[in-house]
Amino acid sequence: MAVSFAHLPVLADLVLAAFSGLPGQPADAGDGAAEAGEPLLLDCTLGGGGHSALLLAAHPALRLIGLDRDPAARAAAAERLAPFGDRARIEAANFADFTPPAPLVGVLADLGVSSPQLDEPGRGFSFRAPGPLDMRMDPAAGETAAELIDRLEESALADLIHGYGEERLSRRIARRLVAERPWAGSGRTTADLAYAVAGCFPPKARHGRIHPATRTFQALRIAVNDELGALDRLLERAPDWLVPGGLLAVISFHSLEDRRVKTAFLSDPRLERLTRKPLVASEEEEQANPRSRSAKLRVARRVA
């Protein structure tokens, strides 16, 4: 399980640079704090532990809590972070519902779905190979994508596809998906869903660089995992977790996320924006890791 989750952390050099000047943790951090002089950082989206391993190696005094809902990710991260011993603690948790045990010097969130999740057909995130219509970050909890499609009224499904996928043909797609119910329990796969969505497009639009089902799959995944709601709650709560001078860094992968982060960093009086424009991957990184092409990093500092 851990081997299959190996992947390159995006914008690794930029993340290390962003956290190069972490403040020390105050002595009055309270119950549950790391030992005096040991700053505590939260990795909200641990994944395979790539960012966390780099940060722990760069900051020998740092302690870290890593969160992830995905058991495969936690298993991979446990293996990767084992050399750091008790400096790293891994928890099965959604960052939207988490409360850290002590003030933090930094919070990192690498949003969205990871490459290993996309590459595993059994998770149902991608149409590259047939898989179940699941899309849950935590495969043991919540509603699947198929169940969501079956539950929503046509107008609500169209609004979801338009709002979360920015898909202009959302109403046509919703009409098609509702007409082909039920999806849950039918044995149909991600490939069947992609075929149904693609059939809503003119023939010439079905063979472009971007698959016509891409935006619909994004919308369903966001809804199944309440990704934007979780991000909104993180942006509201995280500044209060930080010590003065503490850093909040967010990597987003589409405009819906990035706009929320930009707005929060601009409007929150608790934060000082450190990146006026998002930091993006170099040409070398894009060639080595195509997933990095859409990654945008924004960083803010907690003001006293």
C-alpha atoms as a PDB file:
ATOM      1  CA  MET A   1       0.000   0.000   0.000  1.00  0.00           C
ATOM      2  CA  ALA A   2       2.717   2.450   0.936  1.00  0.00           C
ATOM      3  CA  VAL A   3       4.741   1.835  -2.204  1.00  0.00           C
ATOM      4  CA  SER A   4       1.757   2.589  -4.460  1.00  0.00           C
ATOM      5  CA  PHE A   5       1.360   5.996  -2.801  1.00  0.00           C
ATOM      6  CA  ALA A   6       4.885   7.215  -3.580  1.00  0.00           C
ATOM      7  CA  HIS A   7       4.853  10.542  -5.388  1.00  0.00           C
ATOM      8  CA  LEU A   8       6.718  13.817  -5.735  1.00  0.00           C
ATOM      9  CA  PRO A   9       5.583  16.659  -3.464  1.00  0.00           C
ATOM     10  CA  VAL A  10       4.710  19.673  -5.597  1.00  0.00           C
ATOM     11  CA  LEU A  11       6.505  23.008  -5.221  1.00  0.00           C
ATOM     12  CA  ALA A  12       8.852  21.412  -2.693  1.00  0.00           C
ATOM     13  CA  ASP A  13      11.592  24.061  -2.970  1.00  0.00           C
ATOM     14  CA  LEU A  14       9.058  26.876  -2.670  1.00  0.00           C
ATOM     15  CA  VAL A  15       7.481  25.288   0.403  1.00  0.00           C
ATOM     16  CA  LEU A  16      10.875  24.914   2.062  1.00  0.00           C
ATOM     17  CA  ALA A  17      11.681  28.539   1.288  1.00  0.00           C
ATOM     18  CA  ALA A  18       8.312  29.695   2.633  1.00  0.00           C
ATOM     19  CA  PHE A  19       8.942  27.945   5.959  1.00  0.00           C
ATOM     20  CA  SER A  20      12.627  28.843   6.201  1.00  0.00           C
ATOM     21  CA  GLY A  21      12.018  31.416   8.934  1.00  0.00           C
ATOM     22  CA  LEU A  22       9.714  29.610  11.353  1.00  0.00           C
ATOM     23  CA  PRO A  23       9.284  31.355  14.708  1.00  0.00           C
ATOM     24  CA  GLY A  24       9.991  29.505  17.948  1.00  0.00           C
ATOM     25  CA  GLN A  25       7.078  28.161  19.979  1.00  0.00           C
ATOM     26  CA  PRO A  26       6.336  30.235  23.080  1.00  0.00           C
ATOM     27  CA  ALA A  27       6.986  28.718  26.471  1.00  0.00           C
ATOM     28  CA  ASP A  28       3.376  29.336  27.566  1.00  0.00           C
ATOM     29  CA  ALA A  29       1.863  27.233  24.772  1.00  0.00           C
ATOM     30  CA  GLY A  30      -0.256  25.314  27.268  1.00  0.00           C
ATOM     31  CA  ASP A  31      -1.155  21.683  27.826  1.00  0.00           C
ATOM     32  CA  GLY A  32      -0.147  19.319  25.059  1.00  0.00           C
ATOM     33  CA  ALA A  33       2.511  21.630  23.650  1.00  0.00           C
ATOM     34  CA  ALA A  34       5.779  20.352  22.339  1.00  0.00           C
ATOM     35  CA  GLU A  35       8.718  20.602  24.691  1.00  0.00           C
ATOM     36  CA  ALA A  36      10.094  24.095  25.239  1.00  0.00           C
ATOM     37  CA  GLY A  37      11.908  25.395  22.184  1.00  0.00           C
ATOM     38  CA  GLU A  38      10.375  22.772  19.862  1.00  0.00           C
ATOM     39  CA  PRO A  39       8.076  24.425  17.331  1.00  0.00           C
ATOM     40  CA  LEU A  40       4.999  22.524  16.162  1.00  0.00           C
ATOM     41  CA  LEU A  41       3.746  22.510  12.562  1.00  0.00           C
ATOM     42  CA  LEU A  42       0.538  21.077  11.115  1.00  0.00           C
ATOM     43  CA  ASP A  43       0.486  19.377   7.711  1.00  0.00           C
ATOM     44  CA  CYS A  44      -3.245  19.374   6.970  1.00  0.00           C
ATOM     45  CA  THR A  45      -2.967  17.114   3.928  1.00  0.00           C
ATOM     46  CA  LEU A  46      -0.217  14.641   4.712  1.00  0.00           C
ATOM     47  CA  GLY A  47      -0.482  12.460   1.607  1.00  0.00           C
ATOM     48  CA  GLY A  48       2.626  10.338   1.279  1.00  0.00           C
ATOM     49  CA  GLY A  49       4.509  12.572   3.699  1.00  0.00           C
ATOM     50  CA  GLY A  50       6.748  14.240   1.117  1.00  0.00           C
ATOM     51  CA  HIS A  51       6.406  17.832   2.294  1.00  0.00           C
ATOM     52  CA  SER A  52       6.515  16.772   5.944  1.00  0.00           C
ATOM     53  CA  ALA A  53       9.726  14.789   5.507  1.00  0.00           C
ATOM     54  CA  LEU A  54      11.431  17.747   3.845  1.00  0.00           C
ATOM     55  CA  LEU A  55      10.330  20.154   6.572  1.00  0.00           C
ATOM     56  CA  LEU A  56      11.394  17.844   9.397  1.00  0.00           C
ATOM     57  CA  ALA A  57      14.794  17.359   7.770  1.00  0.00           C
ATOM     58  CA  ALA A  58      15.245  21.104   7.264  1.00  0.00           C
ATOM     59  CA  HIS A  59      14.241  21.997  10.855  1.00  0.00           C
ATOM     60  CA  PRO A  60      15.806  19.557  13.354  1.00  0.00           C
ATOM     61  CA  ALA A  61      13.873  21.036  16.295  1.00  0.00           C
ATOM     62  CA  LEU A  62      10.519  20.862  14.534  1.00  0.00           C
ATOM     63  CA  ARG A  63       7.678  18.591  15.595  1.00  0.00           C
ATOM     64  CA  LEU A  64       4.869  17.875  13.186  1.00  0.00           C
ATOM     65  CA  ILE A  65       1.307  16.605  13.152  1.00  0.00           C
ATOM     66  CA  GLY A  66       0.120  15.201   9.825  1.00  0.00           C
ATOM     67  CA  LEU A  67      -3.542  14.690   8.987  1.00  0.00           C
ATOM     68  CA  ASP A  68      -5.114  12.568   6.274  1.00  0.00           C
ATOM     69  CA  ARG A  69      -8.441  10.810   5.776  1.00  0.00           C
ATOM     70  CA  ASP A  70      -6.960   8.281   3.371  1.00  0.00           C
ATOM     71  CA  PRO A  71      -5.617   5.098   5.056  1.00  0.00           C
ATOM     72  CA  ALA A  72      -3.307   4.387   2.106  1.00  0.00           C
ATOM     73  CA  ALA A  73      -1.774   7.846   2.463  1.00  0.00           C
ATOM     74  CA  ARG A  74      -1.284   7.423   6.210  1.00  0.00           C
ATOM     75  CA  ALA A  75       0.429   4.062   5.705  1.00  0.00           C
ATOM     76  CA  ALA A  76       2.806   5.520   3.135  1.00  0.00           C
ATOM     77  CA  ALA A  77       3.520   8.556   5.308  1.00  0.00           C
ATOM     78  CA  ALA A  78       4.207   6.406   8.377  1.00  0.00           C
ATOM     79  CA  GLU A  79       6.904   4.588   6.436  1.00  0.00           C
ATOM     80  CA  ARG A  80       8.390   7.776   5.027  1.00  0.00           C
ATOM     81  CA  LEU A  81       8.416   9.612   8.359  1.00  0.00           C
ATOM     82  CA  ALA A  82       9.624   6.679  10.471  1.00  0.00           C
ATOM     83  CA  PRO A  83      13.234   7.980  10.569  1.00  0.00           C
ATOM     84  CA  PHE A  84      12.005  11.080  12.431  1.00  0.00           C
ATOM     85  CA  GLY A  85      10.602   9.037  15.316  1.00  0.00           C
ATOM     86  CA  ASP A  86       8.265  10.801  17.701  1.00  0.00           C
ATOM     87  CA  ARG A  87       8.881  14.159  16.028  1.00  0.00           C
ATOM     88  CA  ALA A  88       6.083  13.192  13.599  1.00  0.00           C
ATOM     89  CA  ARG A  89       2.560  12.243  14.642  1.00  0.00           C
ATOM     90  CA  ILE A  90       0.004  11.015  12.118  1.00  0.00           C
ATOM     91  CA  GLU A  91      -3.743  11.261  12.684  1.00  0.00           C
ATOM     92  CA  ALA A  92      -6.769  10.051  10.736  1.00  0.00           C
ATOM     93  CA  ALA A  93      -8.642  13.329  10.579  1.00  0.00           C
ATOM     94  CA  ASN A  94     -10.254  15.905   8.326  1.00  0.00           C
ATOM     95  CA  PHE A  95      -8.471  19.221   8.803  1.00  0.00           C
ATOM     96  CA  ALA A  96     -11.836  20.992   8.771  1.00  0.00           C
ATOM     97  CA  ASP A  97     -12.739  19.319  12.073  1.00  0.00           C
ATOM     98  CA  PHE A  98      -9.320  19.259  13.725  1.00  0.00           C
ATOM     99  CA  THR A  99      -8.154  21.312  16.689  1.00  0.00           C
ATOM    100  CA  PRO A 100      -4.399  21.300  17.322  1.00  0.00           C
ATOM    101  CA  PRO A 101      -3.182  20.479  20.837  1.00  0.00           C
ATOM    102  CA  ALA A 102      -0.932  23.549  21.016  1.00  0.00           C
ATOM    103  CA  PRO A 103      -0.148  26.794  19.191  1.00  0.00           C
ATOM    104  CA  LEU A 104       1.512  26.259  15.834  1.00  0.00           C
ATOM    105  CA  VAL A 105       4.414  27.908  14.053  1.00  0.00           C
ATOM    106  CA  GLY A 106       3.094  26.832  10.690  1.00  0.00           C
ATOM    107  CA  VAL A 107       0.179  25.301   8.802  1.00  0.00           C
ATOM    108  CA  LEU A 108       0.555  23.721   5.368  1.00  0.00           C
ATOM    109  CA  ALA A 109      -2.317  22.529   3.157  1.00  0.00           C
ATOM    110  CA  ASP A 110      -1.719  20.844  -0.219  1.00  0.00           C
ATOM    111  CA  LEU A 111      -5.275  20.687  -1.535  1.00  0.00           C
ATOM    112  CA  GLY A 112      -7.072  18.411  -3.926  1.00  0.00           C
ATOM    113  CA  VAL A 113      -6.530  14.834  -4.982  1.00  0.00           C
ATOM    114  CA  SER A 114      -3.070  13.275  -5.126  1.00  0.00           C
ATOM    115  CA  SER A 115      -1.479  11.513  -8.073  1.00  0.00           C
ATOM    116  CA  PRO A 116      -1.598   8.081  -6.352  1.00  0.00           C
ATOM    117  CA  GLN A 117      -5.320   8.509  -5.739  1.00  0.00           C
ATOM    118  CA  LEU A 118      -5.868   9.416  -9.388  1.00  0.00           C
ATOM    119  CA  ASP A 119      -3.745   6.488 -10.536  1.00  0.00           C
ATOM    120  CA  GLU A 120      -5.643   3.902  -8.462  1.00  0.00           C
ATOM    121  CA  PRO A 121      -8.791   2.874 -10.402  1.00  0.00           C
ATOM    122  CA  GLY A 122     -10.394   1.419  -7.291  1.00  0.00           C
ATOM    123  CA  ARG A 123     -10.739   4.882  -5.760  1.00  0.00           C
ATOM    124  CA  GLY A 124     -12.957   6.145  -8.590  1.00  0.00           C
ATOM    125  CA  PHE A 125     -11.338   9.574  -8.919  1.00  0.00           C
ATOM    126  CA  SER A 126     -10.325   9.216 -12.563  1.00  0.00           C
ATOM    127  CA  PHE A 127     -11.714   7.981 -15.866  1.00  0.00           C
ATOM    128  CA  ARG A 128      -8.308   6.830 -17.125  1.00  0.00           C
ATOM    129  CA  ALA A 129      -9.261   3.263 -16.206  1.00  0.00           C
ATOM    130  CA  PRO A 130     -12.650   1.811 -15.185  1.00  0.00           C
ATOM    131  CA  GLY A 131     -13.298   1.966 -11.448  1.00  0.00           C
ATOM    132  CA  PRO A 132     -16.186   2.238  -8.997  1.00  0.00           C
ATOM    133  CA  LEU A 133     -18.066   5.543  -8.813  1.00  0.00           C
ATOM    134  CA  ASP A 134     -16.702   6.316  -5.362  1.00  0.00           C
ATOM    135  CA  MET A 135     -14.415   9.407  -5.134  1.00  0.00           C
ATOM    136  CA  ARG A 136     -14.298   9.492  -1.319  1.00  0.00           C
ATOM    137  CA  MET A 137     -11.054  10.570   0.332  1.00  0.00           C
ATOM    138  CA  ASP A 138     -12.026   8.300   3.220  1.00  0.00           C
ATOM    139  CA  PRO A 139     -13.236   5.136   1.475  1.00  0.00           C
ATOM    140  CA  ALA A 140     -15.038   3.983   4.628  1.00  0.00           C
ATOM    141  CA  ALA A 141     -17.196   7.042   5.308  1.00  0.00           C
ATOM    142  CA  GLY A 142     -19.721   9.243   3.592  1.00  0.00           C
ATOM    143  CA  GLU A 143     -21.661   9.227   0.364  1.00  0.00           C
ATOM    144  CA  THR A 144     -20.167   7.946  -2.897  1.00  0.00           C
ATOM    145  CA  ALA A 145     -20.335   9.857  -6.166  1.00  0.00           C
ATOM    146  CA  ALA A 146     -22.895   7.362  -7.502  1.00  0.00           C
ATOM    147  CA  GLU A 147     -25.100   7.838  -4.451  1.00  0.00           C
ATOM    148  CA  LEU A 148     -24.823  11.610  -4.789  1.00  0.00           C
ATOM    149  CA  ILE A 149     -25.911  11.511  -8.435  1.00  0.00           C
ATOM    150  CA  ASP A 150     -28.894   9.325  -7.548  1.00  0.00           C
ATOM    151  CA  ARG A 151     -29.959  11.519  -4.614  1.00  0.00           C
ATOM    152  CA  LEU A 152     -29.951  14.989  -6.162  1.00  0.00           C
ATOM    153  CA  GLU A 153     -32.747  16.516  -8.181  1.00  0.00           C
ATOM    154  CA  GLU A 154     -31.778  17.373 -11.742  1.00  0.00           C
ATOM    155  CA  SER A 155     -31.593  21.116 -11.101  1.00  0.00           C
ATOM    156  CA  ALA A 156     -29.452  20.652  -7.992  1.00  0.00           C
ATOM    157  CA  LEU A 157     -27.116  18.298  -9.847  1.00  0.00           C
ATOM    158  CA  ALA A 158     -26.785  20.816 -12.683  1.00  0.00           C
ATOM    159  CA  ASP A 159     -25.998  23.600 -10.206  1.00  0.00           C
ATOM    160  CA  LEU A 160     -23.360  21.408  -8.558  1.00  0.00           C
ATOM    161  CA  ILE A 161     -21.650  20.578 -11.858  1.00  0.00           C
ATOM    162  CA  HIS A 162     -21.705  24.230 -12.901  1.00  0.00           C
ATOM    163  CA  GLY A 163     -20.644  25.655  -9.550  1.00  0.00           C
ATOM    164  CA  TYR A 164     -17.887  23.188  -8.677  1.00  0.00           C
ATOM    165  CA  GLY A 165     -16.801  22.253 -12.195  1.00  0.00           C
ATOM    166  CA  GLU A 166     -17.448  25.545 -13.993  1.00  0.00           C
ATOM    167  CA  GLU A 167     -19.011  23.404 -16.712  1.00  0.00           C
ATOM    168  CA  ARG A 168     -21.106  25.339 -19.243  1.00  0.00           C
ATOM    169  CA  LEU A 169     -23.027  22.224 -20.338  1.00  0.00           C
ATOM    170  CA  SER A 170     -24.019  21.359 -16.781  1.00  0.00           C
ATOM    171  CA  ARG A 171     -27.773  21.239 -17.414  1.00  0.00           C
ATOM    172  CA  ARG A 172     -27.419  18.941 -20.400  1.00  0.00           C
ATOM    173  CA  ILE A 173     -25.080  16.678 -18.425  1.00  0.00           C
ATOM    174  CA  ALA A 174     -27.366  16.582 -15.385  1.00  0.00           C
ATOM    175  CA  ARG A 175     -30.336  15.678 -17.589  1.00  0.00           C
ATOM    176  CA  ARG A 176     -28.370  12.779 -19.076  1.00  0.00           C
ATOM    177  CA  LEU A 177     -27.153  11.481 -15.714  1.00  0.00           C
ATOM    178  CA  VAL A 178     -30.621  11.627 -14.169  1.00  0.00           C
ATOM    179  CA  ALA A 179     -32.110   9.817 -17.190  1.00  0.00           C
ATOM    180  CA  GLU A 180     -29.601   6.981 -16.713  1.00  0.00           C
ATOM    181  CA  ARG A 181     -30.299   6.388 -13.021  1.00  0.00           C
ATOM    182  CA  PRO A 182     -29.628   4.426 -10.926  1.00  0.00           C
ATOM    183  CA  TRP A 183     -25.859   4.697 -10.863  1.00  0.00           C
ATOM    184  CA  ALA A 184     -25.314   3.259  -7.387  1.00  0.00           C
ATOM    185  CA  GLY A 185     -25.451  -0.523  -7.312  1.00  0.00           C
ATOM    186  CA  SER A 186     -25.644  -0.757 -11.095  1.00  0.00           C
ATOM    187  CA  GLY A 187     -22.111  -1.996 -11.642  1.00  0.00           C
ATOM    188  CA  ARG A 188     -21.330   0.898 -13.945  1.00  0.00           C
ATOM    189  CA  THR A 189     -17.912   2.470 -13.643  1.00  0.00           C
ATOM    190  CA  THR A 190     -16.065   5.751 -13.980  1.00  0.00           C
ATOM    191  CA  ALA A 191     -15.611   4.904 -17.649  1.00  0.00           C
ATOM    192  CA  ASP A 192     -19.396   4.653 -18.064  1.00  0.00           C
ATOM    193  CA  LEU A 193     -19.857   8.019 -16.357  1.00  0.00           C
ATOM    194  CA  ALA A 194     -17.192   9.618 -18.545  1.00  0.00           C
ATOM    195  CA  TYR A 195     -18.865   8.170 -21.648  1.00  0.00           C
ATOM    196  CA  ALA A 196     -22.259   9.550 -20.605  1.00  0.00           C
ATOM    197  CA  VAL A 197     -20.800  13.008 -19.983  1.00  0.00           C
ATOM    198  CA  ALA A 198     -18.798  13.020 -23.215  1.00  0.00           C
ATOM    199  CA  GLY A 199     -21.976  12.195 -25.126  1.00  0.00           C
ATOM    200  CA  CYS A 200     -23.365  15.585 -24.114  1.00  0.00           C
ATOM    201  CA  PHE A 201     -20.664  17.374 -26.133  1.00  0.00           C
ATOM    202  CA  PRO A 202     -20.477  17.973 -29.874  1.00  0.00           C
ATOM    203  CA  PRO A 203     -18.305  15.345 -31.619  1.00  0.00           C
ATOM    204  CA  LYS A 204     -15.435  17.774 -32.247  1.00  0.00           C
ATOM    205  CA  ALA A 205     -15.248  18.635 -28.540  1.00  0.00           C
ATOM    206  CA  ARG A 206     -14.823  15.011 -27.456  1.00  0.00           C
ATOM    207  CA  HIS A 207     -11.248  14.712 -28.698  1.00  0.00           C
ATOM    208  CA  GLY A 208      -9.548  17.796 -27.333  1.00  0.00           C
ATOM    209  CA  ARG A 209      -6.567  18.064 -25.021  1.00  0.00           C
ATOM    210  CA  ILE A 210      -8.847  18.020 -21.963  1.00  0.00           C
ATOM    211  CA  HIS A 211     -11.359  15.183 -21.680  1.00  0.00           C
ATOM    212  CA  PRO A 212     -14.936  16.552 -21.686  1.00  0.00           C
ATOM    213  CA  ALA A 213     -15.719  14.757 -18.408  1.00  0.00           C
ATOM    214  CA  THR A 214     -12.869  16.424 -16.503  1.00  0.00           C
ATOM    215  CA  ARG A 215     -14.916  19.285 -15.054  1.00  0.00           C
ATOM    216  CA  THR A 216     -17.834  17.025 -14.100  1.00  0.00           C
ATOM    217  CA  PHE A 217     -15.508  14.615 -12.288  1.00  0.00           C
ATOM    218  CA  GLN A 218     -13.934  17.563 -10.455  1.00  0.00           C
ATOM    219  CA  ALA A 219     -17.350  18.837  -9.395  1.00  0.00           C
ATOM    220  CA  LEU A 220     -18.504  15.464  -8.090  1.00  0.00           C
ATOM    221  CA  ARG A 221     -15.250  14.881  -6.193  1.00  0.00           C
ATOM    222  CA  ILE A 222     -15.417  18.319  -4.570  1.00  0.00           C
ATOM    223  CA  ALA A 223     -19.010  17.717  -3.514  1.00  0.00           C
ATOM    224  CA  VAL A 224     -18.458  14.174  -2.224  1.00  0.00           C
ATOM    225  CA  ASN A 225     -15.611  15.353   0.011  1.00  0.00           C
ATOM    226  CA  ASP A 226     -16.957  18.842   0.825  1.00  0.00           C
ATOM    227  CA  GLU A 227     -13.589  20.185  -0.258  1.00  0.00           C
ATOM    228  CA  LEU A 228     -14.536  23.844  -0.531  1.00  0.00           C
ATOM    229  CA  GLY A 229     -16.458  23.803   2.736  1.00  0.00           C
ATOM    230  CA  ALA A 230     -13.441  22.248   4.435  1.00  0.00           C
ATOM    231  CA  LEU A 231     -11.155  24.883   2.924  1.00  0.00           C
ATOM    232  CA  ASP A 232     -13.429  27.709   4.090  1.00  0.00           C
ATOM    233  CA  ARG A 233     -13.376  26.335   7.637  1.00  0.00           C
ATOM    234  CA  LEU A 234      -9.592  25.978   7.546  1.00  0.00           C
ATOM    235  CA  LEU A 235      -9.088  29.550   6.344  1.00  0.00           C
ATOM    236  CA  GLU A 236     -11.351  30.813   9.115  1.00  0.00           C
ATOM    237  CA  ARG A 237      -9.790  28.792  11.944  1.00  0.00           C
ATOM    238  CA  ALA A 238      -6.108  28.398  11.051  1.00  0.00           C
ATOM    239  CA  PRO A 239      -5.011  31.969  11.861  1.00  0.00           C
ATOM    240  CA  ASP A 240      -6.114  31.460  15.457  1.00  0.00           C
ATOM    241  CA  TRP A 241      -3.937  28.352  15.703  1.00  0.00           C
ATOM    242  CA  LEU A 242      -0.771  30.267  14.834  1.00  0.00           C
ATOM    243  CA  VAL A 243       1.672  31.983  17.148  1.00  0.00           C
ATOM    244  CA  PRO A 244       2.561  35.581  16.213  1.00  0.00           C
ATOM    245  CA  GLY A 245       4.721  35.330  13.121  1.00  0.00           C
ATOM    246  CA  GLY A 246       3.410  31.849  12.341  1.00  0.00           C
ATOM    247  CA  LEU A 247       2.997  30.922   8.689  1.00  0.00           C
ATOM    248  CA  LEU A 248      -0.011  29.664   6.733  1.00  0.00           C
ATOM    249  CA  ALA A 249       0.761  28.178   3.305  1.00  0.00           C
ATOM    250  CA  VAL A 250      -1.822  26.764   0.914  1.00  0.00           C
ATOM    251  CA  ILE A 251      -1.243  24.970  -2.382  1.00  0.00           C
ATOM    252  CA  SER A 252      -4.310  25.004  -4.627  1.00  0.00           C
ATOM    253  CA  PHE A 253      -4.948  23.366  -7.990  1.00  0.00           C
ATOM    254  CA  HIS A 254      -7.937  25.155  -9.483  1.00  0.00           C
ATOM    255  CA  SER A 255      -9.467  28.615  -9.487  1.00  0.00           C
ATOM    256  CA  LEU A 256     -12.258  27.822  -7.023  1.00  0.00           C
ATOM    257  CA  GLU A 257      -9.673  27.058  -4.340  1.00  0.00           C
ATOM    258  CA  ASP A 258      -7.207  29.770  -5.258  1.00  0.00           C
ATOM    259  CA  ARG A 259      -9.847  32.529  -5.206  1.00  0.00           C
ATOM    260  CA  ARG A 260     -10.864  31.528  -1.695  1.00  0.00           C
ATOM    261  CA  VAL A 261      -7.277  31.561  -0.457  1.00  0.00           C
ATOM    262  CA  LYS A 262      -6.522  34.893  -2.130  1.00  0.00           C
ATOM    263  CA  THR A 263      -9.644  36.509  -0.671  1.00  0.00           C
ATOM    264  CA  ALA A 264      -8.957  35.202   2.822  1.00  0.00           C
ATOM    265  CA  PHE A 265      -5.352  36.367   2.814  1.00  0.00           C
ATOM    266  CA  LEU A 266      -6.400  39.806   1.585  1.00  0.00           C
ATOM    267  CA  SER A 267      -9.329  40.364   3.940  1.00  0.00           C
ATOM    268  CA  ASP A 268      -8.339  38.643   7.186  1.00  0.00           C
ATOM    269  CA  PRO A 269      -6.936  41.215   9.657  1.00  0.00           C
ATOM    270  CA  ARG A 270      -5.108  38.422  11.475  1.00  0.00           C
ATOM    271  CA  LEU A 271      -2.944  37.744   8.420  1.00  0.00           C
ATOM    272  CA  GLU A 272      -0.252  39.556   6.479  1.00  0.00           C
ATOM    273  CA  ARG A 273      -0.032  38.417   2.876  1.00  0.00           C
ATOM    274  CA  LEU A 274       3.523  37.408   1.899  1.00  0.00           C
ATOM    275  CA  THR A 275       2.801  36.426  -1.723  1.00  0.00           C
ATOM    276  CA  ARG A 276       1.008  39.074  -3.774  1.00  0.00           C
ATOM    277  CA  LYS A 277       0.877  36.650  -6.680  1.00  0.00           C
ATOM    278  CA  PRO A 278       0.811  32.876  -6.270  1.00  0.00           C
ATOM    279  CA  LEU A 279       4.106  31.041  -6.563  1.00  0.00           C
ATOM    280  CA  VAL A 280       4.172  28.455  -9.356  1.00  0.00           C
ATOM    281  CA  ALA A 281       6.385  25.637 -10.537  1.00  0.00           C
ATOM    282  CA  SER A 282       9.518  26.173 -12.582  1.00  0.00           C
ATOM    283  CA  GLU A 283       9.752  24.778 -16.104  1.00  0.00           C
ATOM    284  CA  GLU A 284      12.073  22.075 -14.773  1.00  0.00           C
ATOM    285  CA  GLU A 285       9.554  20.955 -12.166  1.00  0.00           C
ATOM    286  CA  GLU A 286       6.690  20.972 -14.658  1.00  0.00           C
ATOM    287  CA  GLN A 287       8.668  18.651 -16.895  1.00  0.00           C
ATOM    288  CA  ALA A 288       9.567  16.333 -14.023  1.00  0.00           C
ATOM    289  CA  ASN A 289       6.126  16.424 -12.390  1.00  0.00           C
ATOM    290  CA  PRO A 290       3.238  17.381 -14.723  1.00  0.00           C
ATOM    291  CA  ARG A 291       0.840  17.654 -11.756  1.00  0.00           C
ATOM    292  CA  SER A 292       2.747  20.752 -10.644  1.00  0.00           C
ATOM    293  CA  ARG A 293       1.605  22.736 -13.705  1.00  0.00           C
ATOM    294  CA  SER A 294      -1.645  23.790 -12.058  1.00  0.00           C
ATOM    295  CA  ALA A 295      -0.246  24.205  -8.530  1.00  0.00           C
ATOM    296  CA  LYS A 296      -0.327  27.657  -6.914  1.00  0.00           C
ATOM    297  CA  LEU A 297       1.223  28.454  -3.540  1.00  0.00           C
ATOM    298  CA  ARG A 298       0.115  31.396  -1.412  1.00  0.00           C
ATOM    299  CA  VAL A 299       1.672  32.244   1.953  1.00  0.00           C
ATOM    300  CA  ALA A 300       0.571  34.520   4.805  1.00  0.00           C
ATOM    301  CA  ARG A 301       1.930  35.380   8.253  1.00  0.00           C
ATOM    302  CA  ARG A 302      -0.002  35.725  11.495  1.00  0.00           C
ATOM    303  CA  VAL A 303       0.305  39.266  12.780  1.00  0.00           C
ATOM    304  CA  ALA A 304       0.580  39.903  16.500  1.00  0.00           C
END
